[in-house]
Amino acid sequence: MTVTIELPPEIEADMLAQAEALGMPVGEYLQSLLSGHMSAKGGGSKLSTEEWIGRFEAWVASHSEIAVVLPDAAMEREAIYGDHGR
């Protein structure tokens, strides 16, 4: 079956990035998403370890631009609570 859908540019860009991160053609990536969704809905087979890791790594990579790196000092008790709690 062939299906054509119109995607907003931001969703298309995210989908392309995730497919690229997995090293998959976009069509194959979409088929794997739909297959996983249908299996999960019907209680079918689970993802293999390799597929799960690949999807997880793609998800992590899709969030790399919004990551905030804090200095270690920001996680110290004094930085969080200040003079409270003494």
PDB file of N, CA and C in Angstrom:
ATOM      1  N   MET A   1       0.840  -1.170   0.000  1.00  0.00           N
ATOM      2  CA  MET A   1       0.000   0.000   0.000  1.00  0.00           C
ATOM      3  C   MET A   1       0.888   1.237   0.000  1.00  0.00           C
ATOM      4  N   THR A   2       0.484   2.219  -0.723  1.00  0.00           N
ATOM      5  CA  THR A   2       1.187   3.493  -0.765  1.00  0.00           C
ATOM      6  C   THR A   2       0.291   4.564  -0.161  1.00  0.00           C
ATOM      7  N   VAL A   3       0.858   5.336   0.756  1.00  0.00           N
ATOM      8  CA  VAL A   3       0.119   6.406   1.421  1.00  0.00           C
ATOM      9  C   VAL A   3       0.945   7.680   1.311  1.00  0.00           C
ATOM     10  N   THR A   4       0.285   8.788   1.007  1.00  0.00           N
ATOM     11  CA  THR A   4       0.957  10.087   0.939  1.00  0.00           C
ATOM     12  C   THR A   4       0.406  10.970   2.038  1.00  0.00           C
ATOM     13  N   ILE A   5       1.297  11.571   2.829  1.00  0.00           N
ATOM     14  CA  ILE A   5       0.861  12.487   3.882  1.00  0.00           C
ATOM     15  C   ILE A   5       1.675  13.775   3.800  1.00  0.00           C
ATOM     16  N   GLU A   6       1.050  14.856   4.202  1.00  0.00           N
ATOM     17  CA  GLU A   6       1.725  16.153   4.255  1.00  0.00           C
ATOM     18  C   GLU A   6       2.159  16.393   5.706  1.00  0.00           C
ATOM     19  N   LEU A   7       3.431  16.659   5.903  1.00  0.00           N
ATOM     20  CA  LEU A   7       3.949  16.909   7.248  1.00  0.00           C
ATOM     21  C   LEU A   7       4.382  18.356   7.383  1.00  0.00           C
ATOM     22  N   PRO A   8       4.185  18.927   8.562  1.00  0.00           N
ATOM     23  CA  PRO A   8       4.753  20.256   8.805  1.00  0.00           C
ATOM     24  C   PRO A   8       6.273  20.171   8.706  1.00  0.00           C
ATOM     25  N   PRO A   9       6.936  21.239   8.272  1.00  0.00           N
ATOM     26  CA  PRO A   9       8.388  21.205   8.074  1.00  0.00           C
ATOM     27  C   PRO A   9       9.174  20.762   9.308  1.00  0.00           C
ATOM     28  N   GLU A  10       8.745  21.163  10.508  1.00  0.00           N
ATOM     29  CA  GLU A  10       9.498  20.797  11.710  1.00  0.00           C
ATOM     30  C   GLU A  10       9.399  19.300  12.014  1.00  0.00           C
ATOM     31  N   ILE A  11       8.243  18.700  11.743  1.00  0.00           N
ATOM     32  CA  ILE A  11       8.097  17.257  11.949  1.00  0.00           C
ATOM     33  C   ILE A  11       8.907  16.504  10.900  1.00  0.00           C
ATOM     34  N   GLU A  12       8.872  16.991   9.672  1.00  0.00           N
ATOM     35  CA  GLU A  12       9.652  16.362   8.605  1.00  0.00           C
ATOM     36  C   GLU A  12      11.139  16.393   8.933  1.00  0.00           C
ATOM     37  N   ALA A  13      11.631  17.531   9.399  1.00  0.00           N
ATOM     38  CA  ALA A  13      13.051  17.661   9.741  1.00  0.00           C
ATOM     39  C   ALA A  13      13.433  16.715  10.866  1.00  0.00           C
ATOM     40  N   ASP A  14      12.569  16.603  11.878  1.00  0.00           N
ATOM     41  CA  ASP A  14      12.839  15.707  12.998  1.00  0.00           C
ATOM     42  C   ASP A  14      12.856  14.253  12.541  1.00  0.00           C
ATOM     43  N   MET A  15      11.902  13.890  11.695  1.00  0.00           N
ATOM     44  CA  MET A  15      11.826  12.526  11.178  1.00  0.00           C
ATOM     45  C   MET A  15      13.061  12.181  10.349  1.00  0.00           C
ATOM     46  N   LEU A  16      13.480  13.103   9.497  1.00  0.00           N
ATOM     47  CA  LEU A  16      14.675  12.882   8.684  1.00  0.00           C
ATOM     48  C   LEU A  16      15.910  12.729   9.563  1.00  0.00           C
ATOM     49  N   ALA A  17      16.012  13.549  10.610  1.00  0.00           N
ATOM     50  CA  ALA A  17      17.168  13.471  11.516  1.00  0.00           C
ATOM     51  C   ALA A  17      17.195  12.137  12.251  1.00  0.00           C
ATOM     52  N   GLN A  18      16.042  11.674  12.690  1.00  0.00           N
ATOM     53  CA  GLN A  18      16.001  10.403  13.413  1.00  0.00           C
ATOM     54  C   GLN A  18      16.322   9.229  12.493  1.00  0.00           C
ATOM     55  N   ALA A  19      15.815   9.266  11.276  1.00  0.00           N
ATOM     56  CA  ALA A  19      16.124   8.199  10.318  1.00  0.00           C
ATOM     57  C   ALA A  19      17.619   8.191  10.011  1.00  0.00           C
ATOM     58  N   GLU A  20      18.186   9.382   9.831  1.00  0.00           N
ATOM     59  CA  GLU A  20      19.624   9.482   9.551  1.00  0.00           C
ATOM     60  C   GLU A  20      20.452   8.980  10.731  1.00  0.00           C
ATOM     61  N   ALA A  21      20.030   9.310  11.954  1.00  0.00           N
ATOM     62  CA  ALA A  21      20.750   8.868  13.149  1.00  0.00           C
ATOM     63  C   ALA A  21      20.764   7.347  13.256  1.00  0.00           C
ATOM     64  N   LEU A  22      19.710   6.713  12.758  1.00  0.00           N
ATOM     65  CA  LEU A  22      19.650   5.253  12.761  1.00  0.00           C
ATOM     66  C   LEU A  22      20.303   4.635  11.540  1.00  0.00           C
ATOM     67  N   GLY A  23      20.676   5.481  10.576  1.00  0.00           N
ATOM     68  CA  GLY A  23      21.279   4.978   9.347  1.00  0.00           C
ATOM     69  C   GLY A  23      20.271   4.256   8.468  1.00  0.00           C
ATOM     70  N   MET A  24      19.021   4.727   8.503  1.00  0.00           N
ATOM     71  CA  MET A  24      17.958   4.070   7.744  1.00  0.00           C
ATOM     72  C   MET A  24      17.375   5.025   6.719  1.00  0.00           C
ATOM     73  N   PRO A  25      16.916   4.495   5.584  1.00  0.00           N
ATOM     74  CA  PRO A  25      16.148   5.332   4.667  1.00  0.00           C
ATOM     75  C   PRO A  25      14.845   5.752   5.363  1.00  0.00           C
ATOM     76  N   VAL A  26      14.310   6.900   4.987  1.00  0.00           N
ATOM     77  CA  VAL A  26      13.124   7.436   5.651  1.00  0.00           C
ATOM     78  C   VAL A  26      11.946   6.463   5.565  1.00  0.00           C
ATOM     79  N   GLY A  27      11.733   5.874   4.400  1.00  0.00           N
ATOM     80  CA  GLY A  27      10.623   4.935   4.242  1.00  0.00           C
ATOM     81  C   GLY A  27      10.729   3.752   5.187  1.00  0.00           C
ATOM     82  N   GLU A  28      11.927   3.212   5.305  1.00  0.00           N
ATOM     83  CA  GLU A  28      12.149   2.075   6.199  1.00  0.00           C
ATOM     84  C   GLU A  28      11.939   2.498   7.661  1.00  0.00           C
ATOM     85  N   TYR A  29      12.406   3.693   7.994  1.00  0.00           N
ATOM     86  CA  TYR A  29      12.231   4.208   9.351  1.00  0.00           C
ATOM     87  C   TYR A  29      10.739   4.339   9.685  1.00  0.00           C
ATOM     88  N   LEU A  30       9.962   4.912   8.767  1.00  0.00           N
ATOM     89  CA  LEU A  30       8.530   5.061   8.999  1.00  0.00           C
ATOM     90  C   LEU A  30       7.834   3.710   9.115  1.00  0.00           C
ATOM     91  N   GLN A  31       8.250   2.757   8.288  1.00  0.00           N
ATOM     92  CA  GLN A  31       7.667   1.419   8.380  1.00  0.00           C
ATOM     93  C   GLN A  31       7.955   0.803   9.741  1.00  0.00           C
ATOM     94  N   SER A  32       9.175   0.996  10.255  1.00  0.00           N
ATOM     95  CA  SER A  32       9.506   0.434  11.561  1.00  0.00           C
ATOM     96  C   SER A  32       8.697   1.101  12.672  1.00  0.00           C
ATOM     97  N   LEU A  33       8.473   2.417  12.557  1.00  0.00           N
ATOM     98  CA  LEU A  33       7.648   3.105  13.550  1.00  0.00           C
ATOM     99  C   LEU A  33       6.219   2.568  13.541  1.00  0.00           C
ATOM    100  N   LEU A  34       5.648   2.464  12.351  1.00  0.00           N
ATOM    101  CA  LEU A  34       4.273   1.974  12.241  1.00  0.00           C
ATOM    102  C   LEU A  34       4.161   0.527  12.688  1.00  0.00           C
ATOM    103  N   SER A  35       5.126  -0.274  12.324  1.00  0.00           N
ATOM    104  CA  SER A  35       5.123  -1.675  12.718  1.00  0.00           C
ATOM    105  C   SER A  35       5.203  -1.798  14.241  1.00  0.00           C
ATOM    106  N   GLY A  36       6.091  -1.003  14.851  1.00  0.00           N
ATOM    107  CA  GLY A  36       6.214  -1.020  16.304  1.00  0.00           C
ATOM    108  C   GLY A  36       4.948  -0.548  16.982  1.00  0.00           C
ATOM    109  N   HIS A  37       4.328   0.479  16.421  1.00  0.00           N
ATOM    110  CA  HIS A  37       3.086   1.011  16.992  1.00  0.00           C
ATOM    111  C   HIS A  37       1.970  -0.029  16.900  1.00  0.00           C
ATOM    112  N   MET A  38       1.839  -0.660  15.764  1.00  0.00           N
ATOM    113  CA  MET A  38       0.778  -1.644  15.577  1.00  0.00           C
ATOM    114  C   MET A  38       1.016  -2.866  16.469  1.00  0.00           C
ATOM    115  N   SER A  39       2.259  -3.297  16.617  1.00  0.00           N
ATOM    116  CA  SER A  39       2.572  -4.434  17.480  1.00  0.00           C
ATOM    117  C   SER A  39       2.245  -4.108  18.929  1.00  0.00           C
ATOM    118  N   ALA A  40       2.599  -2.879  19.344  1.00  0.00           N
ATOM    119  CA  ALA A  40       2.339  -2.473  20.725  1.00  0.00           C
ATOM    120  C   ALA A  40       0.840  -2.401  20.994  1.00  0.00           C
ATOM    121  N   LYS A  41       0.088  -1.908  20.026  1.00  0.00           N
ATOM    122  CA  LYS A  41      -1.369  -1.804  20.193  1.00  0.00           C
ATOM    123  C   LYS A  41      -2.022  -3.171  20.280  1.00  0.00           C
ATOM    124  N   GLY A  42      -1.520  -4.093  19.468  1.00  0.00           N
ATOM    125  CA  GLY A  42      -2.124  -5.421  19.426  1.00  0.00           C
ATOM    126  C   GLY A  42      -1.476  -6.412  20.366  1.00  0.00           C
ATOM    127  N   GLY A  43      -0.513  -5.948  21.176  1.00  0.00           N
ATOM    128  CA  GLY A  43       0.168  -6.855  22.089  1.00  0.00           C
ATOM    129  C   GLY A  43       1.101  -7.807  21.373  1.00  0.00           C
ATOM    130  N   GLY A  44       1.547  -7.410  20.190  1.00  0.00           N
ATOM    131  CA  GLY A  44       2.425  -8.273  19.397  1.00  0.00           C
ATOM    132  C   GLY A  44       3.844  -8.292  19.904  1.00  0.00           C
ATOM    133  N   SER A  45       4.758  -8.647  19.032  1.00  0.00           N
ATOM    134  CA  SER A  45       6.152  -8.817  19.418  1.00  0.00           C
ATOM    135  C   SER A  45       6.784  -7.493  19.839  1.00  0.00           C
ATOM    136  N   LYS A  46       7.777  -7.609  20.716  1.00  0.00           N
ATOM    137  CA  LYS A  46       8.493  -6.437  21.198  1.00  0.00           C
ATOM    138  C   LYS A  46       9.687  -6.169  20.295  1.00  0.00           C
ATOM    139  N   LEU A  47      10.282  -4.987  20.457  1.00  0.00           N
ATOM    140  CA  LEU A  47      11.479  -4.647  19.690  1.00  0.00           C
ATOM    141  C   LEU A  47      12.648  -5.490  20.172  1.00  0.00           C
ATOM    142  N   SER A  48      13.546  -5.787  19.249  1.00  0.00           N
ATOM    143  CA  SER A  48      14.772  -6.461  19.660  1.00  0.00           C
ATOM    144  C   SER A  48      15.625  -5.458  20.421  1.00  0.00           C
ATOM    145  N   THR A  49      16.603  -5.942  21.132  1.00  0.00           N
ATOM    146  CA  THR A  49      17.491  -5.062  21.897  1.00  0.00           C
ATOM    147  C   THR A  49      18.160  -4.058  20.975  1.00  0.00           C
ATOM    148  N   GLU A  50      18.620  -4.499  19.820  1.00  0.00           N
ATOM    149  CA  GLU A  50      19.300  -3.619  18.871  1.00  0.00           C
ATOM    150  C   GLU A  50      18.360  -2.530  18.354  1.00  0.00           C
ATOM    151  N   GLU A  51      17.112  -2.902  18.053  1.00  0.00           N
ATOM    152  CA  GLU A  51      16.143  -1.913  17.572  1.00  0.00           C
ATOM    153  C   GLU A  51      15.831  -0.892  18.664  1.00  0.00           C
ATOM    154  N   TRP A  52      15.661  -1.379  19.908  1.00  0.00           N
ATOM    155  CA  TRP A  52      15.348  -0.481  21.013  1.00  0.00           C
ATOM    156  C   TRP A  52      16.494   0.497  21.231  1.00  0.00           C
ATOM    157  N   ILE A  53      17.732  -0.013  21.233  1.00  0.00           N
ATOM    158  CA  ILE A  53      18.904   0.853  21.425  1.00  0.00           C
ATOM    159  C   ILE A  53      18.991   1.870  20.295  1.00  0.00           C
ATOM    160  N   GLY A  54      18.771   1.430  19.062  1.00  0.00           N
ATOM    161  CA  GLY A  54      18.819   2.342  17.919  1.00  0.00           C
ATOM    162  C   GLY A  54      17.789   3.453  18.039  1.00  0.00           C
ATOM    163  N   ARG A  55      16.577   3.109  18.427  1.00  0.00           N
ATOM    164  CA  ARG A  55      15.530   4.121  18.578  1.00  0.00           C
ATOM    165  C   ARG A  55      15.841   5.059  19.744  1.00  0.00           C
ATOM    166  N   PHE A  56      16.353   4.497  20.827  1.00  0.00           N
ATOM    167  CA  PHE A  56      16.697   5.325  21.975  1.00  0.00           C
ATOM    168  C   PHE A  56      17.799   6.311  21.612  1.00  0.00           C
ATOM    169  N   GLU A  57      18.834   5.841  20.926  1.00  0.00           N
ATOM    170  CA  GLU A  57      19.932   6.722  20.517  1.00  0.00           C
ATOM    171  C   GLU A  57      19.447   7.802  19.559  1.00  0.00           C
ATOM    172  N   ALA A  58      18.524   7.459  18.667  1.00  0.00           N
ATOM    173  CA  ALA A  58      17.955   8.470  17.758  1.00  0.00           C
ATOM    174  C   ALA A  58      17.169   9.504  18.543  1.00  0.00           C
ATOM    175  N   TRP A  59      16.428   9.045  19.558  1.00  0.00           N
ATOM    176  CA  TRP A  59      15.664   9.977  20.394  1.00  0.00           C
ATOM    177  C   TRP A  59      16.607  10.912  21.151  1.00  0.00           C
ATOM    178  N   VAL A  60      17.678  10.361  21.706  1.00  0.00           N
ATOM    179  CA  VAL A  60      18.655  11.183  22.420  1.00  0.00           C
ATOM    180  C   VAL A  60      19.273  12.201  21.465  1.00  0.00           C
ATOM    181  N   ALA A  61      19.670  11.750  20.279  1.00  0.00           N
ATOM    182  CA  ALA A  61      20.291  12.652  19.301  1.00  0.00           C
ATOM    183  C   ALA A  61      19.338  13.762  18.876  1.00  0.00           C
ATOM    184  N   SER A  62      18.049  13.482  18.858  1.00  0.00           N
ATOM    185  CA  SER A  62      17.088  14.505  18.437  1.00  0.00           C
ATOM    186  C   SER A  62      16.933  15.609  19.473  1.00  0.00           C
ATOM    187  N   HIS A  63      17.440  15.410  20.676  1.00  0.00           N
ATOM    188  CA  HIS A  63      17.337  16.407  21.741  1.00  0.00           C
ATOM    189  C   HIS A  63      18.654  17.106  22.033  1.00  0.00           C
ATOM    190  N   SER A  64      19.689  16.807  21.281  1.00  0.00           N
ATOM    191  CA  SER A  64      21.018  17.345  21.595  1.00  0.00           C
ATOM    192  C   SER A  64      21.093  18.866  21.496  1.00  0.00           C
ATOM    193  N   GLU A  65      20.286  19.474  20.642  1.00  0.00           N
ATOM    194  CA  GLU A  65      20.345  20.923  20.470  1.00  0.00           C
ATOM    195  C   GLU A  65      19.722  21.682  21.629  1.00  0.00           C
ATOM    196  N   ILE A  66      18.897  21.028  22.423  1.00  0.00           N
ATOM    197  CA  ILE A  66      18.232  21.720  23.516  1.00  0.00           C
ATOM    198  C   ILE A  66      18.853  21.391  24.874  1.00  0.00           C
ATOM    199  N   ALA A  67      19.921  20.620  24.889  1.00  0.00           N
ATOM    200  CA  ALA A  67      20.557  20.237  26.148  1.00  0.00           C
ATOM    201  C   ALA A  67      21.223  21.438  26.807  1.00  0.00           C
ATOM    202  N   VAL A  68      21.107  21.491  28.110  1.00  0.00           N
ATOM    203  CA  VAL A  68      21.748  22.539  28.892  1.00  0.00           C
ATOM    204  C   VAL A  68      22.794  21.870  29.763  1.00  0.00           C
ATOM    205  N   VAL A  69      24.020  22.325  29.674  1.00  0.00           N
ATOM    206  CA  VAL A  69      25.098  21.769  30.479  1.00  0.00           C
ATOM    207  C   VAL A  69      25.405  22.746  31.605  1.00  0.00           C
ATOM    208  N   LEU A  70      25.230  22.276  32.833  1.00  0.00           N
ATOM    209  CA  LEU A  70      25.483  23.112  33.999  1.00  0.00           C
ATOM    210  C   LEU A  70      26.851  22.798  34.577  1.00  0.00           C
ATOM    211  N   PRO A  71      27.512  23.807  35.153  1.00  0.00           N
ATOM    212  CA  PRO A  71      28.790  23.522  35.819  1.00  0.00           C
ATOM    213  C   PRO A  71      28.537  22.699  37.077  1.00  0.00           C
ATOM    214  N   ASP A  72      29.533  21.958  37.527  1.00  0.00           N
ATOM    215  CA  ASP A  72      29.397  21.128  38.721  1.00  0.00           C
ATOM    216  C   ASP A  72      28.970  21.949  39.934  1.00  0.00           C
ATOM    217  N   ALA A  73      29.454  23.178  40.026  1.00  0.00           N
ATOM    218  CA  ALA A  73      29.129  24.030  41.169  1.00  0.00           C
ATOM    219  C   ALA A  73      27.624  24.291  41.265  1.00  0.00           C
ATOM    220  N   ALA A  74      26.914  24.240  40.157  1.00  0.00           N
ATOM    221  CA  ALA A  74      25.476  24.481  40.164  1.00  0.00           C
ATOM    222  C   ALA A  74      24.720  23.361  40.881  1.00  0.00           C
ATOM    223  N   MET A  75      25.342  22.208  41.035  1.00  0.00           N
ATOM    224  CA  MET A  75      24.682  21.067  41.671  1.00  0.00           C
ATOM    225  C   MET A  75      25.062  20.914  43.140  1.00  0.00           C
ATOM    226  N   GLU A  76      25.858  21.804  43.653  1.00  0.00           N
ATOM    227  CA  GLU A  76      26.241  21.728  45.060  1.00  0.00           C
ATOM    228  C   GLU A  76      25.095  22.226  45.931  1.00  0.00           C
ATOM    229  N   ARG A  77      25.015  21.694  47.131  1.00  0.00           N
ATOM    230  CA  ARG A  77      23.923  22.028  48.050  1.00  0.00           C
ATOM    231  C   ARG A  77      23.759  23.532  48.231  1.00  0.00           C
ATOM    232  N   GLU A  78      24.870  24.231  48.393  1.00  0.00           N
ATOM    233  CA  GLU A  78      24.808  25.688  48.632  1.00  0.00           C
ATOM    234  C   GLU A  78      24.212  26.422  47.438  1.00  0.00           C
ATOM    235  N   ALA A  79      24.497  25.948  46.240  1.00  0.00           N
ATOM    236  CA  ALA A  79      23.971  26.598  45.034  1.00  0.00           C
ATOM    237  C   ALA A  79      22.453  26.376  44.932  1.00  0.00           C
ATOM    238  N   ILE A  80      21.992  25.238  45.420  1.00  0.00           N
ATOM    239  CA  ILE A  80      20.573  24.933  45.320  1.00  0.00           C
ATOM    240  C   ILE A  80      19.771  25.566  46.447  1.00  0.00           C
ATOM    241  N   TYR A  81      20.265  25.410  47.693  1.00  0.00           N
ATOM    242  CA  TYR A  81      19.500  25.875  48.858  1.00  0.00           C
ATOM    243  C   TYR A  81      19.970  27.198  49.446  1.00  0.00           C
ATOM    244  N   GLY A  82      21.175  27.625  49.101  1.00  0.00           N
ATOM    245  CA  GLY A  82      21.709  28.848  49.693  1.00  0.00           C
ATOM    246  C   GLY A  82      21.870  28.698  51.184  1.00  0.00           C
ATOM    247  N   ASP A  83      21.382  29.661  51.935  1.00  0.00           N
ATOM    248  CA  ASP A  83      21.501  29.612  53.395  1.00  0.00           C
ATOM    249  C   ASP A  83      20.346  28.874  54.059  1.00  0.00           C
ATOM    250  N   HIS A  84      19.384  28.415  53.281  1.00  0.00           N
ATOM    251  CA  HIS A  84      18.231  27.696  53.853  1.00  0.00           C
ATOM    252  C   HIS A  84      18.653  26.304  54.305  1.00  0.00           C
ATOM    253  N   GLY A  85      18.025  25.828  55.340  1.00  0.00           N
ATOM    254  CA  GLY A  85      18.286  24.471  55.787  1.00  0.00           C
ATOM    255  C   GLY A  85      19.476  24.346  56.708  1.00  0.00           C
ATOM    256  N   ARG A  86      19.999  25.447  57.172  1.00  0.00           N
ATOM    257  CA  ARG A  86      21.136  25.380  58.110  1.00  0.00           C
ATOM    258  C   ARG A  86      20.670  25.673  59.479  1.00  0.00           C
TER     259      ARG A  86
END
